[in-house]
Amino acid sequence: MTVESSFVNKQSDARMDWIDMAKGLGMLLVAIGHLLPEGSNIRMFIYSFHMPLFFVLSGIVYKNTSSSGFFKSRLFVSYLFFSVTFVIADLLVRVLLLGKYEPSSIIWEVYQTISFYGINVLWFVSTIILCKWIMGKLLLIKNKLAIIGMVGVLFILTGWIGTFYTMSSESYSIIRLALYFPILAILRPLNVLIFYVIGYFSKKYIIQVIQNRNTTGLVAIGVLILIIVWGLTPYCGNVDVHIMTYENIVLALFTGLSGSVAIIFICSFFQKCFTLTAYLRFCGKNSILFMVLHEYLFMSLIVNLILSAVHINNIILYIVGTIILTSLIIYIIKDQVDYCLEYLSNKFLGNNIKTRS
């Protein structure tokens, strides 16, 4: 075992709080970004780094084990479980609330699932699964700089290709749509792999910085970086990893990495605040459930209906209400969901399943 791996393994005996906290804060930013109106400066600012943050964090916790377990993970079971949940929920809404049934919509949702494009927010889960598999192959190359250079070039190329293909597919025909989903499903992991790889290779250095530096200094650096990212937002333009659109691909790489580092530094400071730490860790440990509930199981719709009933039109109350309601529902159902995922993992994939991916 190398000195580097020995150092890192000492940290993995107990899950690092700042990772869960950074995931939790990132998840809150995802929710806020989804609820803000398109084109707003704050939304563009959040989108410039919030998804790269998750891929950096996933790279940090990646373990270089056998890549044969492509489908044998809790993450893959979660992907299938929530995909089926969405299809059923969508069908019930269409039949019971809208009073109409459109078989084509359900068919496309199933197709998005099997093509690994992912329904709605589940694109992130399918992309992480593919990143983990590709990472196992990449690490067969022993030269770190060669790997970083390779994935850097892939980021630029796939970003350009994805943006061009998405823009040219605005008038969807059936054939183009059928091709669009699997093509994007392939391009996305190749595109975000740069964040995953840098997260993996920088883990030791990030831990050293957090342990050896004053956390007040780190939060000051993190805030300064976010101010710089905010200033660059108009030049970076719209960034949407989901549908692969970049207005400035090079600047998007910079804001994605720098914004991720800023959030990690800030979360190292938050560990001093118990209440905030507990809540961010709660959101981080249940990040997939948070992502699923706030976006497509109608939490925001419910809050909007309540505010409309009392004649309140306030974006801040709308966002805060959605986050609070989502958090409450997660607290109520998380144990039942965990039980279902554990049962399905053991039932269909055997007992040697990772409980956390």
Protein backbone atom coordinates (compact mmCIF):
# COMPACT_ATOMS: atom_id res chain seq x y z
CA MET A 1 0.00 0.00 0.00
CA THR A 2 1.39 3.42 -0.94
CA VAL A 3 1.82 6.29 1.53
CA GLU A 4 -0.94 8.15 -0.33
CA SER A 5 -3.45 5.31 -0.13
CA SER A 6 -2.54 4.71 3.54
CA PHE A 7 -3.24 8.37 4.32
CA VAL A 8 -6.54 8.32 2.47
CA ASN A 9 -7.70 5.06 4.04
CA LYS A 10 -7.24 6.54 7.52
CA GLN A 11 -9.77 9.16 6.55
CA SER A 12 -12.26 6.63 5.17
CA ASP A 13 -12.68 4.80 8.49
CA ALA A 14 -15.27 7.42 9.37
CA ARG A 15 -17.23 9.20 6.69
CA MET A 16 -15.86 12.74 6.32
CA ASP A 17 -18.50 15.19 7.46
CA TRP A 18 -17.55 17.83 4.93
CA ILE A 19 -18.36 15.48 2.03
CA ASP A 20 -21.93 14.92 3.22
CA MET A 21 -22.23 18.61 4.04
CA ALA A 22 -20.97 19.66 0.60
CA LYS A 23 -23.43 17.23 -1.00
CA GLY A 24 -26.19 18.65 1.19
CA LEU A 25 -25.38 22.25 0.32
CA GLY A 26 -25.06 21.26 -3.32
CA MET A 27 -28.46 19.61 -3.15
CA LEU A 28 -30.02 22.78 -1.74
CA LEU A 29 -28.43 24.72 -4.60
CA VAL A 30 -29.90 22.21 -7.07
CA ALA A 31 -33.37 22.73 -5.59
CA ILE A 32 -33.00 26.52 -5.64
CA GLY A 33 -31.70 26.46 -9.21
CA HIS A 34 -34.65 24.38 -10.38
CA LEU A 35 -37.17 26.66 -8.68
CA LEU A 36 -35.74 29.97 -9.91
CA PRO A 37 -37.02 31.38 -13.21
CA GLU A 38 -34.92 30.56 -16.27
CA GLY A 39 -32.52 33.28 -17.32
CA SER A 40 -32.07 34.78 -13.83
CA ASN A 41 -28.51 35.65 -12.85
CA ILE A 42 -28.64 33.62 -9.63
CA ARG A 43 -29.83 30.55 -11.52
CA MET A 44 -27.00 30.91 -14.07
CA PHE A 45 -24.53 31.34 -11.19
CA ILE A 46 -25.72 28.16 -9.47
CA TYR A 47 -25.76 26.18 -12.71
CA SER A 48 -22.15 27.17 -13.42
CA PHE A 49 -20.86 24.82 -10.70
CA HIS A 50 -23.59 22.91 -8.83
CA MET A 51 -23.49 19.70 -10.92
CA PRO A 52 -19.68 19.64 -11.31
CA LEU A 53 -19.59 19.75 -7.48
CA PHE A 54 -21.41 16.41 -7.27
CA PHE A 55 -19.06 14.78 -9.77
CA VAL A 56 -16.01 16.10 -7.91
CA LEU A 57 -17.39 14.72 -4.63
CA SER A 58 -18.23 11.40 -6.28
CA GLY A 59 -14.65 11.23 -7.55
CA ILE A 60 -13.34 11.92 -4.05
CA VAL A 61 -15.23 8.94 -2.58
CA TYR A 62 -14.54 6.63 -5.55
CA LYS A 63 -12.75 3.40 -4.63
CA ASN A 64 -10.65 1.72 -7.27
CA THR A 65 -12.08 -1.79 -7.05
CA SER A 66 -13.00 -4.27 -9.76
CA SER A 67 -15.07 -2.67 -12.53
CA SER A 68 -17.01 -5.92 -13.03
CA GLY A 69 -19.76 -4.67 -10.72
CA PHE A 70 -21.22 -2.28 -13.28
CA PHE A 71 -24.79 -3.18 -12.38
CA LYS A 72 -24.09 -4.56 -8.90
CA SER A 73 -24.43 -1.46 -6.81
CA ARG A 74 -26.97 0.29 -4.64
CA LEU A 75 -26.81 3.18 -7.10
CA PHE A 76 -28.02 1.06 -10.01
CA VAL A 77 -30.87 -0.33 -7.92
CA SER A 78 -31.78 3.24 -6.93
CA TYR A 79 -31.82 4.26 -10.59
CA LEU A 80 -34.28 1.51 -11.51
CA PHE A 81 -36.38 1.97 -8.37
CA PHE A 82 -36.89 5.71 -8.82
CA SER A 83 -37.41 5.35 -12.57
CA VAL A 84 -40.27 2.93 -11.99
CA THR A 85 -41.61 5.22 -9.24
CA PHE A 86 -41.66 8.15 -11.64
CA VAL A 87 -43.45 6.23 -14.40
CA ILE A 88 -46.14 5.06 -11.95
CA ALA A 89 -46.54 8.55 -10.42
CA ASP A 90 -46.74 10.15 -13.86
CA LEU A 91 -49.34 7.62 -14.97
CA LEU A 92 -51.48 8.25 -11.88
CA VAL A 93 -51.32 12.02 -12.34
CA ARG A 94 -52.28 11.78 -16.00
CA VAL A 95 -55.21 9.45 -15.32
CA LEU A 96 -56.53 10.74 -11.97
CA LEU A 97 -55.77 14.47 -12.13
CA LEU A 98 -55.56 15.32 -15.82
CA GLY A 99 -58.15 12.77 -16.90
CA LYS A 100 -56.20 11.59 -19.93
CA TYR A 101 -53.81 8.77 -20.68
CA GLU A 102 -51.03 9.18 -23.23
CA PRO A 103 -49.24 5.87 -23.89
CA SER A 104 -46.54 7.66 -25.89
CA SER A 105 -45.38 9.62 -22.83
CA ILE A 106 -44.98 6.46 -20.77
CA ILE A 107 -43.18 4.74 -23.63
CA TRP A 108 -40.69 7.60 -23.91
CA GLU A 109 -40.08 7.52 -20.15
CA VAL A 110 -39.33 3.80 -20.30
CA TYR A 111 -37.06 4.40 -23.28
CA GLN A 112 -35.18 7.14 -21.43
CA THR A 113 -34.60 4.68 -18.60
CA ILE A 114 -33.31 1.75 -20.67
CA SER A 115 -31.19 4.02 -22.87
CA PHE A 116 -29.55 5.31 -19.67
CA TYR A 117 -30.50 8.88 -20.54
CA GLY A 118 -32.50 8.97 -17.31
CA ILE A 119 -35.94 10.40 -16.64
CA ASN A 120 -35.77 13.98 -15.43
CA VAL A 121 -33.24 14.37 -12.57
CA LEU A 122 -32.27 10.69 -12.78
CA TRP A 123 -29.89 11.62 -15.61
CA PHE A 124 -27.42 12.35 -12.82
CA VAL A 125 -27.65 8.84 -11.36
CA SER A 126 -27.19 7.10 -14.72
CA THR A 127 -24.24 9.39 -15.49
CA ILE A 128 -22.54 8.63 -12.17
CA ILE A 129 -22.95 4.89 -12.79
CA LEU A 130 -21.26 5.22 -16.19
CA CYS A 131 -18.52 7.48 -14.76
CA LYS A 132 -17.66 4.87 -12.16
CA TRP A 133 -17.38 2.19 -14.82
CA ILE A 134 -15.25 4.34 -17.12
CA MET A 135 -13.05 5.39 -14.21
CA GLY A 136 -12.18 1.77 -13.52
CA LYS A 137 -10.96 1.45 -17.09
CA LEU A 138 -9.06 4.76 -17.03
CA LEU A 139 -7.07 3.85 -13.94
CA LEU A 140 -5.45 1.02 -15.88
CA ILE A 141 -3.37 3.86 -17.31
CA LYS A 142 -0.68 4.58 -14.72
CA ASN A 143 0.16 8.12 -15.83
CA LYS A 144 -2.05 10.61 -13.94
CA LEU A 145 -1.21 13.53 -16.23
CA ALA A 146 -2.11 11.45 -19.28
CA ILE A 147 -5.51 10.64 -17.75
CA ILE A 148 -6.20 14.27 -16.81
CA GLY A 149 -5.14 15.45 -20.27
CA MET A 150 -7.32 12.84 -21.94
CA VAL A 151 -10.47 13.67 -19.97
CA GLY A 152 -9.78 17.39 -20.41
CA VAL A 153 -9.81 16.98 -24.17
CA LEU A 154 -12.94 14.84 -23.88
CA PHE A 155 -14.65 17.60 -21.90
CA ILE A 156 -14.01 20.16 -24.63
CA LEU A 157 -14.93 17.85 -27.53
CA THR A 158 -18.06 16.32 -25.99
CA GLY A 159 -19.16 19.76 -24.76
CA TRP A 160 -19.00 21.16 -28.29
CA ILE A 161 -20.62 18.09 -29.82
CA GLY A 162 -23.35 17.91 -27.19
CA THR A 163 -24.17 21.61 -27.47
CA PHE A 164 -24.34 21.44 -31.27
CA TYR A 165 -26.42 18.27 -31.24
CA THR A 166 -28.86 19.58 -28.63
CA MET A 167 -29.31 22.90 -30.43
CA SER A 168 -29.84 21.15 -33.77
CA SER A 169 -32.43 18.82 -32.24
CA GLU A 170 -34.89 21.55 -31.25
CA SER A 171 -37.33 20.34 -33.91
CA TYR A 172 -37.56 16.74 -32.80
CA SER A 173 -38.67 14.07 -35.19
CA ILE A 174 -39.36 10.59 -33.84
CA ILE A 175 -36.13 9.22 -35.29
CA ARG A 176 -34.02 12.15 -34.05
CA LEU A 177 -35.55 11.88 -30.59
CA ALA A 178 -34.89 8.15 -30.50
CA LEU A 179 -31.23 8.83 -31.30
CA TYR A 180 -30.95 11.86 -29.01
CA PHE A 181 -31.43 9.99 -25.73
CA PRO A 182 -28.72 7.29 -26.13
CA ILE A 183 -26.28 9.74 -27.75
CA LEU A 184 -26.59 12.16 -24.82
CA ALA A 185 -26.37 9.24 -22.40
CA ILE A 186 -22.94 8.43 -23.89
CA LEU A 187 -21.69 12.00 -24.21
CA ARG A 188 -22.58 13.13 -20.67
CA PRO A 189 -20.28 10.81 -18.66
CA LEU A 190 -17.42 11.45 -21.09
CA ASN A 191 -18.03 15.18 -20.63
CA VAL A 192 -18.15 15.31 -16.81
CA LEU A 193 -15.39 12.74 -16.33
CA ILE A 194 -12.89 15.61 -15.90
CA PHE A 195 -14.58 16.59 -12.62
CA TYR A 196 -14.75 12.97 -11.46
CA VAL A 197 -11.07 12.36 -12.23
CA ILE A 198 -9.86 15.59 -10.60
CA GLY A 199 -11.94 14.78 -7.52
CA TYR A 200 -10.32 11.34 -7.31
CA PHE A 201 -6.74 12.52 -7.78
CA SER A 202 -7.07 15.56 -5.51
CA LYS A 203 -8.61 13.76 -2.52
CA LYS A 204 -5.39 13.57 -0.51
CA TYR A 205 -4.56 17.23 -1.09
CA ILE A 206 -8.05 18.46 -0.24
CA ILE A 207 -7.98 16.52 3.05
CA GLN A 208 -4.55 17.92 3.89
CA VAL A 209 -5.67 21.49 3.21
CA ILE A 210 -8.81 21.10 5.34
CA GLN A 211 -6.89 19.52 8.22
CA ASN A 212 -3.88 21.83 8.19
CA ARG A 213 -5.48 25.21 7.49
CA ASN A 214 -7.58 27.47 9.68
CA THR A 215 -11.22 26.92 8.70
CA THR A 216 -11.94 30.64 8.95
CA GLY A 217 -9.29 31.23 6.33
CA LEU A 218 -10.75 28.50 4.15
CA VAL A 219 -14.25 29.95 4.27
CA ALA A 220 -12.82 33.36 3.35
CA ILE A 221 -11.08 31.80 0.35
CA GLY A 222 -14.28 29.94 -0.56
CA VAL A 223 -16.37 33.11 -0.45
CA LEU A 224 -13.77 34.97 -2.52
CA ILE A 225 -13.82 32.22 -5.15
CA LEU A 226 -17.62 32.34 -5.32
CA ILE A 227 -17.47 36.12 -5.80
CA ILE A 228 -15.10 35.56 -8.74
CA VAL A 229 -17.42 32.89 -10.16
CA TRP A 230 -20.35 35.31 -9.79
CA GLY A 231 -18.41 37.92 -11.72
CA LEU A 232 -17.65 35.43 -14.49
CA THR A 233 -21.25 34.19 -14.75
CA PRO A 234 -22.33 36.63 -17.53
CA TYR A 235 -19.30 35.56 -19.61
CA CYS A 236 -19.83 31.88 -18.89
CA GLY A 237 -23.46 32.07 -19.99
CA ASN A 238 -25.90 29.20 -19.68
CA VAL A 239 -24.54 25.87 -18.50
CA ASP A 240 -26.77 22.79 -18.42
CA VAL A 241 -24.99 19.44 -18.10
CA HIS A 242 -28.34 17.63 -18.27
CA ILE A 243 -29.02 18.58 -21.89
CA MET A 244 -25.35 19.27 -22.71
CA THR A 245 -25.42 22.97 -23.50
CA TYR A 246 -22.45 25.29 -22.94
CA GLU A 247 -22.08 28.84 -24.12
CA ASN A 248 -18.42 29.05 -23.08
CA ILE A 249 -17.00 25.56 -22.63
CA VAL A 250 -13.57 26.64 -21.32
CA LEU A 251 -14.98 29.07 -18.77
CA ALA A 252 -17.53 26.43 -17.71
CA LEU A 253 -14.63 24.12 -16.80
CA PHE A 254 -13.05 26.84 -14.66
CA THR A 255 -16.25 27.86 -12.85
CA GLY A 256 -17.22 24.21 -12.34
CA LEU A 257 -13.93 23.32 -10.65
CA SER A 258 -13.43 26.57 -8.72
CA GLY A 259 -17.05 26.66 -7.50
CA SER A 260 -16.73 23.06 -6.30
CA VAL A 261 -13.57 23.87 -4.33
CA ALA A 262 -15.29 26.92 -2.82
CA ILE A 263 -18.25 24.87 -1.54
CA ILE A 264 -15.92 22.24 -0.05
CA PHE A 265 -13.89 24.93 1.76
CA ILE A 266 -17.02 26.63 3.08
CA CYS A 267 -18.43 23.33 4.35
CA SER A 268 -15.21 22.66 6.28
CA PHE A 269 -16.09 25.78 8.28
CA PHE A 270 -19.74 24.77 8.77
CA GLN A 271 -18.65 21.81 10.88
CA LYS A 272 -18.45 24.23 13.83
CA CYS A 273 -22.19 24.89 13.65
CA PHE A 274 -23.93 21.74 14.93
CA THR A 275 -27.48 22.51 13.82
CA LEU A 276 -26.46 23.53 10.31
CA THR A 277 -24.01 20.62 10.10
CA ALA A 278 -26.71 18.12 11.06
CA TYR A 279 -29.14 19.45 8.47
CA LEU A 280 -26.60 19.59 5.63
CA ARG A 281 -25.42 16.06 6.44
CA PHE A 282 -29.05 14.92 6.43
CA CYS A 283 -29.53 16.43 2.95
CA GLY A 284 -26.21 15.00 1.77
CA LYS A 285 -26.86 11.46 2.95
CA ASN A 286 -30.30 11.55 1.33
CA SER A 287 -29.25 13.53 -1.75
CA ILE A 288 -30.80 11.20 -4.35
CA LEU A 289 -34.09 11.09 -2.46
CA PHE A 290 -34.01 14.88 -2.11
CA MET A 291 -33.33 15.25 -5.82
CA VAL A 292 -36.19 12.94 -6.72
CA LEU A 293 -38.79 14.37 -4.35
CA HIS A 294 -38.30 18.09 -4.89
CA GLU A 295 -38.30 17.83 -8.67
CA TYR A 296 -40.82 15.30 -9.88
CA LEU A 297 -42.98 14.19 -6.99
CA PHE A 298 -44.79 17.54 -6.92
CA MET A 299 -43.37 19.12 -3.74
CA SER A 300 -43.02 22.48 -5.50
CA LEU A 301 -46.50 22.13 -7.01
CA ILE A 302 -48.03 21.54 -3.57
CA VAL A 303 -46.27 24.59 -2.11
CA ASN A 304 -47.34 26.70 -5.08
CA LEU A 305 -50.97 25.65 -4.60
CA ILE A 306 -50.83 26.55 -0.89
CA LEU A 307 -49.32 29.98 -1.58
CA SER A 308 -51.84 30.63 -4.33
CA ALA A 309 -54.72 29.71 -2.00
CA VAL A 310 -53.64 32.43 0.44
CA HIS A 311 -52.82 34.86 -2.40
CA ILE A 312 -49.08 35.00 -1.79
CA ASN A 313 -46.70 35.34 -4.73
CA ASN A 314 -43.20 35.31 -3.27
CA ILE A 315 -40.29 33.40 -4.81
CA ILE A 316 -38.39 33.17 -1.51
CA LEU A 317 -41.35 31.64 0.34
CA TYR A 318 -41.88 29.31 -2.63
CA ILE A 319 -38.28 28.06 -2.48
CA VAL A 320 -38.09 27.82 1.32
CA GLY A 321 -41.49 26.11 1.50
CA THR A 322 -40.49 23.53 -1.11
CA ILE A 323 -37.22 22.76 0.68
CA ILE A 324 -38.93 22.45 4.08
CA LEU A 325 -41.71 20.21 2.72
CA THR A 326 -39.24 18.03 0.83
CA SER A 327 -37.04 17.69 3.94
CA LEU A 328 -40.05 16.73 6.05
CA ILE A 329 -41.22 14.07 3.58
CA ILE A 330 -37.69 12.65 3.38
CA TYR A 331 -37.48 12.44 7.16
CA ILE A 332 -40.76 10.50 7.22
CA ILE A 333 -40.07 8.03 4.40
CA LYS A 334 -36.27 7.65 4.23
CA ASP A 335 -36.14 4.51 6.38
CA GLN A 336 -38.85 2.82 4.33
CA VAL A 337 -37.10 3.75 1.06
CA ASP A 338 -33.78 2.48 2.41
CA TYR A 339 -35.45 -0.78 3.39
CA CYS A 340 -36.93 -1.20 -0.09
CA LEU A 341 -33.61 -0.50 -1.80
CA GLU A 342 -31.76 -2.86 0.52
CA TYR A 343 -34.34 -5.59 -0.02
CA LEU A 344 -34.25 -5.20 -3.82
CA SER A 345 -30.45 -5.15 -3.83
CA ASN A 346 -30.24 -8.38 -1.86
CA LYS A 347 -33.11 -9.99 -3.73
CA PHE A 348 -31.97 -9.44 -7.30
CA LEU A 349 -28.27 -8.72 -7.09
CA GLY A 350 -27.09 -10.87 -4.21
CA ASN A 351 -25.93 -10.06 -0.72
CA ASN A 352 -22.59 -8.46 -1.60
CA ILE A 353 -24.05 -5.11 -2.51
CA LYS A 354 -22.61 -1.81 -1.44
CA THR A 355 -25.10 -0.16 0.83
CA ARG A 356 -23.84 3.28 -0.15
CA SER A 357 -22.53 4.30 -3.54
